[in-house]
Structures are given as C-alpha cells and as structure tokens.
Amino acid sequence: MFSNIGVPGLILILTLALIIFGPKKLPEIGKAFGQTLKEFKKSTRELTDDVMEDLNEEKKNLTK
C-alpha cells in the first residue's frame, strides 16, 4: 500500500502534518491512531477466531 510513497514522499507528508497540527498535537494523534489500529486488529482476530470455531463445530457435526 505504502510501497510507492518512498522516503521523499514520507518526509513531505510528515512535514505537512507537523505544519497543520503542530508539534504538541502530533504525539496525541499518533497515540490515538495506534490505539485505533490495535483495537481494529483485536476485533479482526476475535472475528476470525469466532468464524473458525463455527466452522470446526460444523465440521464436527458433519462427521457424526
């Protein structure tokens, strides 16, 4: 996804973010983004586990 950005593009994005949000707000934004990503991954993992559990139960019922 981000493989086409490259280092100059990344520097430009970070510079624009620094100008727009300021140096005091960037750590808060980064922390909020990290927590959001962590919750998303957790929810995805739980959903995958639930689906796999249902599939295993169905498989067990079919073999009986």
N, C-alpha and C. Protein backbone atom coordinates (compact mmCIF):
# COMPACT_ATOMS: atom_id res chain seq x y z
N MET A 1 0.82 -1.20 0.00
CA MET A 1 0.00 0.00 0.00
C MET A 1 0.87 1.26 0.00
N PHE A 2 1.82 1.30 0.93
CA PHE A 2 2.67 2.48 1.03
C PHE A 2 4.01 2.29 0.33
N SER A 3 4.18 1.23 -0.39
CA SER A 3 5.47 0.95 -1.00
C SER A 3 5.83 1.93 -2.11
N ASN A 4 4.84 2.62 -2.68
CA ASN A 4 5.11 3.57 -3.77
C ASN A 4 5.40 4.99 -3.28
N ILE A 5 5.26 5.24 -1.99
CA ILE A 5 5.46 6.59 -1.46
C ILE A 5 6.93 6.97 -1.49
N GLY A 6 7.77 6.14 -0.94
CA GLY A 6 9.20 6.43 -0.89
C GLY A 6 9.54 7.39 0.23
N VAL A 7 10.82 7.60 0.43
CA VAL A 7 11.30 8.45 1.51
C VAL A 7 10.94 9.92 1.30
N PRO A 8 11.14 10.50 0.09
CA PRO A 8 10.77 11.91 -0.09
C PRO A 8 9.28 12.18 0.15
N GLY A 9 8.44 11.27 -0.29
CA GLY A 9 7.00 11.43 -0.08
C GLY A 9 6.65 11.35 1.39
N LEU A 10 7.28 10.44 2.11
CA LEU A 10 7.05 10.30 3.54
C LEU A 10 7.49 11.55 4.29
N ILE A 11 8.63 12.10 3.92
CA ILE A 11 9.12 13.33 4.55
C ILE A 11 8.15 14.48 4.29
N LEU A 12 7.63 14.57 3.07
CA LEU A 12 6.66 15.61 2.73
C LEU A 12 5.39 15.47 3.56
N ILE A 13 4.89 14.25 3.70
CA ILE A 13 3.68 14.02 4.49
C ILE A 13 3.90 14.39 5.95
N LEU A 14 5.03 13.98 6.51
CA LEU A 14 5.32 14.30 7.91
C LEU A 14 5.50 15.80 8.13
N THR A 15 6.12 16.48 7.17
CA THR A 15 6.28 17.93 7.27
C THR A 15 4.93 18.63 7.22
N LEU A 16 4.06 18.21 6.33
CA LEU A 16 2.73 18.81 6.24
C LEU A 16 1.93 18.56 7.52
N ALA A 17 2.03 17.35 8.07
CA ALA A 17 1.34 17.04 9.32
C ALA A 17 1.87 17.92 10.46
N LEU A 18 3.17 18.13 10.49
CA LEU A 18 3.77 18.98 11.52
C LEU A 18 3.28 20.42 11.39
N ILE A 19 3.19 20.91 10.17
CA ILE A 19 2.72 22.28 9.94
C ILE A 19 1.24 22.42 10.30
N ILE A 20 0.44 21.45 9.90
CA ILE A 20 -1.01 21.54 10.12
C ILE A 20 -1.37 21.36 11.59
N PHE A 21 -0.83 20.33 12.24
CA PHE A 21 -1.24 20.00 13.60
C PHE A 21 -0.34 20.58 14.68
N GLY A 22 0.87 20.89 14.37
CA GLY A 22 1.79 21.43 15.37
C GLY A 22 2.50 20.32 16.12
N PRO A 23 3.63 20.68 16.73
CA PRO A 23 4.45 19.66 17.39
C PRO A 23 3.81 19.09 18.66
N LYS A 24 2.92 19.82 19.31
CA LYS A 24 2.31 19.32 20.54
C LYS A 24 1.20 18.32 20.26
N LYS A 25 0.54 18.46 19.15
CA LYS A 25 -0.62 17.62 18.83
C LYS A 25 -0.23 16.30 18.15
N LEU A 26 0.92 16.26 17.48
CA LEU A 26 1.32 15.05 16.74
C LEU A 26 1.46 13.80 17.61
N PRO A 27 2.07 13.87 18.79
CA PRO A 27 2.14 12.65 19.62
C PRO A 27 0.76 12.14 20.03
N GLU A 28 -0.16 13.05 20.31
CA GLU A 28 -1.51 12.65 20.68
C GLU A 28 -2.21 11.96 19.50
N ILE A 29 -2.04 12.50 18.32
CA ILE A 29 -2.64 11.92 17.12
C ILE A 29 -2.03 10.54 16.86
N GLY A 30 -0.73 10.42 16.99
CA GLY A 30 -0.07 9.14 16.80
C GLY A 30 -0.53 8.09 17.80
N LYS A 31 -0.68 8.50 19.04
CA LYS A 31 -1.14 7.58 20.08
C LYS A 31 -2.57 7.12 19.79
N ALA A 32 -3.44 8.05 19.43
CA ALA A 32 -4.82 7.70 19.11
C ALA A 32 -4.88 6.77 17.91
N PHE A 33 -4.07 7.03 16.90
CA PHE A 33 -4.02 6.17 15.71
C PHE A 33 -3.54 4.77 16.08
N GLY A 34 -2.53 4.69 16.92
CA GLY A 34 -2.01 3.39 17.36
C GLY A 34 -3.04 2.60 18.14
N GLN A 35 -3.77 3.27 19.03
CA GLN A 35 -4.81 2.58 19.80
C GLN A 35 -5.94 2.11 18.89
N THR A 36 -6.30 2.92 17.92
CA THR A 36 -7.35 2.54 16.98
C THR A 36 -6.92 1.32 16.17
N LEU A 37 -5.69 1.32 15.70
CA LEU A 37 -5.17 0.19 14.93
C LEU A 37 -5.13 -1.07 15.79
N LYS A 38 -4.73 -0.94 17.05
CA LYS A 38 -4.67 -2.07 17.96
C LYS A 38 -6.06 -2.66 18.18
N GLU A 39 -7.07 -1.81 18.39
CA GLU A 39 -8.44 -2.28 18.58
C GLU A 39 -8.97 -2.95 17.31
N PHE A 40 -8.64 -2.40 16.16
CA PHE A 40 -9.08 -2.99 14.90
C PHE A 40 -8.49 -4.39 14.73
N LYS A 41 -7.21 -4.54 15.01
CA LYS A 41 -6.56 -5.84 14.89
C LYS A 41 -7.17 -6.84 15.87
N LYS A 42 -7.45 -6.38 17.09
CA LYS A 42 -8.05 -7.24 18.11
C LYS A 42 -9.43 -7.71 17.65
N SER A 43 -10.24 -6.81 17.13
CA SER A 43 -11.58 -7.16 16.66
C SER A 43 -11.51 -8.12 15.49
N THR A 44 -10.58 -7.89 14.59
CA THR A 44 -10.42 -8.78 13.43
C THR A 44 -10.02 -10.17 13.88
N ARG A 45 -9.10 -10.24 14.83
CA ARG A 45 -8.64 -11.53 15.35
C ARG A 45 -9.80 -12.28 16.02
N GLU A 46 -10.61 -11.56 16.83
CA GLU A 46 -11.74 -12.19 17.51
C GLU A 46 -12.77 -12.70 16.50
N LEU A 47 -13.03 -11.91 15.47
CA LEU A 47 -13.98 -12.33 14.45
C LEU A 47 -13.48 -13.56 13.72
N THR A 48 -12.21 -13.58 13.38
CA THR A 48 -11.63 -14.73 12.71
C THR A 48 -11.71 -15.97 13.59
N ASP A 49 -11.42 -15.81 14.88
CA ASP A 49 -11.50 -16.94 15.81
C ASP A 49 -12.93 -17.47 15.90
N ASP A 50 -13.91 -16.58 15.95
CA ASP A 50 -15.31 -16.99 16.01
C ASP A 50 -15.72 -17.76 14.76
N VAL A 51 -15.31 -17.28 13.61
CA VAL A 51 -15.65 -17.95 12.36
C VAL A 51 -14.99 -19.33 12.31
N MET A 52 -13.74 -19.40 12.70
CA MET A 52 -13.05 -20.70 12.68
C MET A 52 -13.69 -21.67 13.67
N GLU A 53 -14.12 -21.18 14.82
CA GLU A 53 -14.79 -22.02 15.81
C GLU A 53 -16.11 -22.56 15.24
N ASP A 54 -16.87 -21.70 14.57
CA ASP A 54 -18.12 -22.14 13.95
C ASP A 54 -17.87 -23.18 12.86
N LEU A 55 -16.84 -22.97 12.07
CA LEU A 55 -16.50 -23.93 11.02
C LEU A 55 -16.10 -25.28 11.60
N ASN A 56 -15.34 -25.26 12.69
CA ASN A 56 -14.93 -26.50 13.33
C ASN A 56 -16.13 -27.25 13.91
N GLU A 57 -17.09 -26.51 14.48
CA GLU A 57 -18.30 -27.13 15.01
C GLU A 57 -19.11 -27.77 13.88
N GLU A 58 -19.23 -27.06 12.76
CA GLU A 58 -19.95 -27.60 11.61
C GLU A 58 -19.26 -28.86 11.08
N LYS A 59 -17.96 -28.83 11.04
CA LYS A 59 -17.19 -29.97 10.56
C LYS A 59 -17.41 -31.18 11.49
N LYS A 60 -17.44 -30.92 12.80
CA LYS A 60 -17.68 -31.98 13.77
C LYS A 60 -19.08 -32.58 13.58
N ASN A 61 -20.06 -31.72 13.36
CA ASN A 61 -21.44 -32.19 13.19
C ASN A 61 -21.61 -33.00 11.91
N LEU A 62 -20.86 -32.68 10.89
CA LEU A 62 -20.96 -33.41 9.63
C LEU A 62 -20.34 -34.78 9.70
N THR A 63 -19.32 -34.93 10.55
CA THR A 63 -18.63 -36.22 10.64
C THR A 63 -19.36 -37.18 11.55
N LYS A 64 -20.32 -36.75 12.32
CA LYS A 64 -21.06 -37.63 13.23
C LYS A 64 -22.01 -38.51 12.49
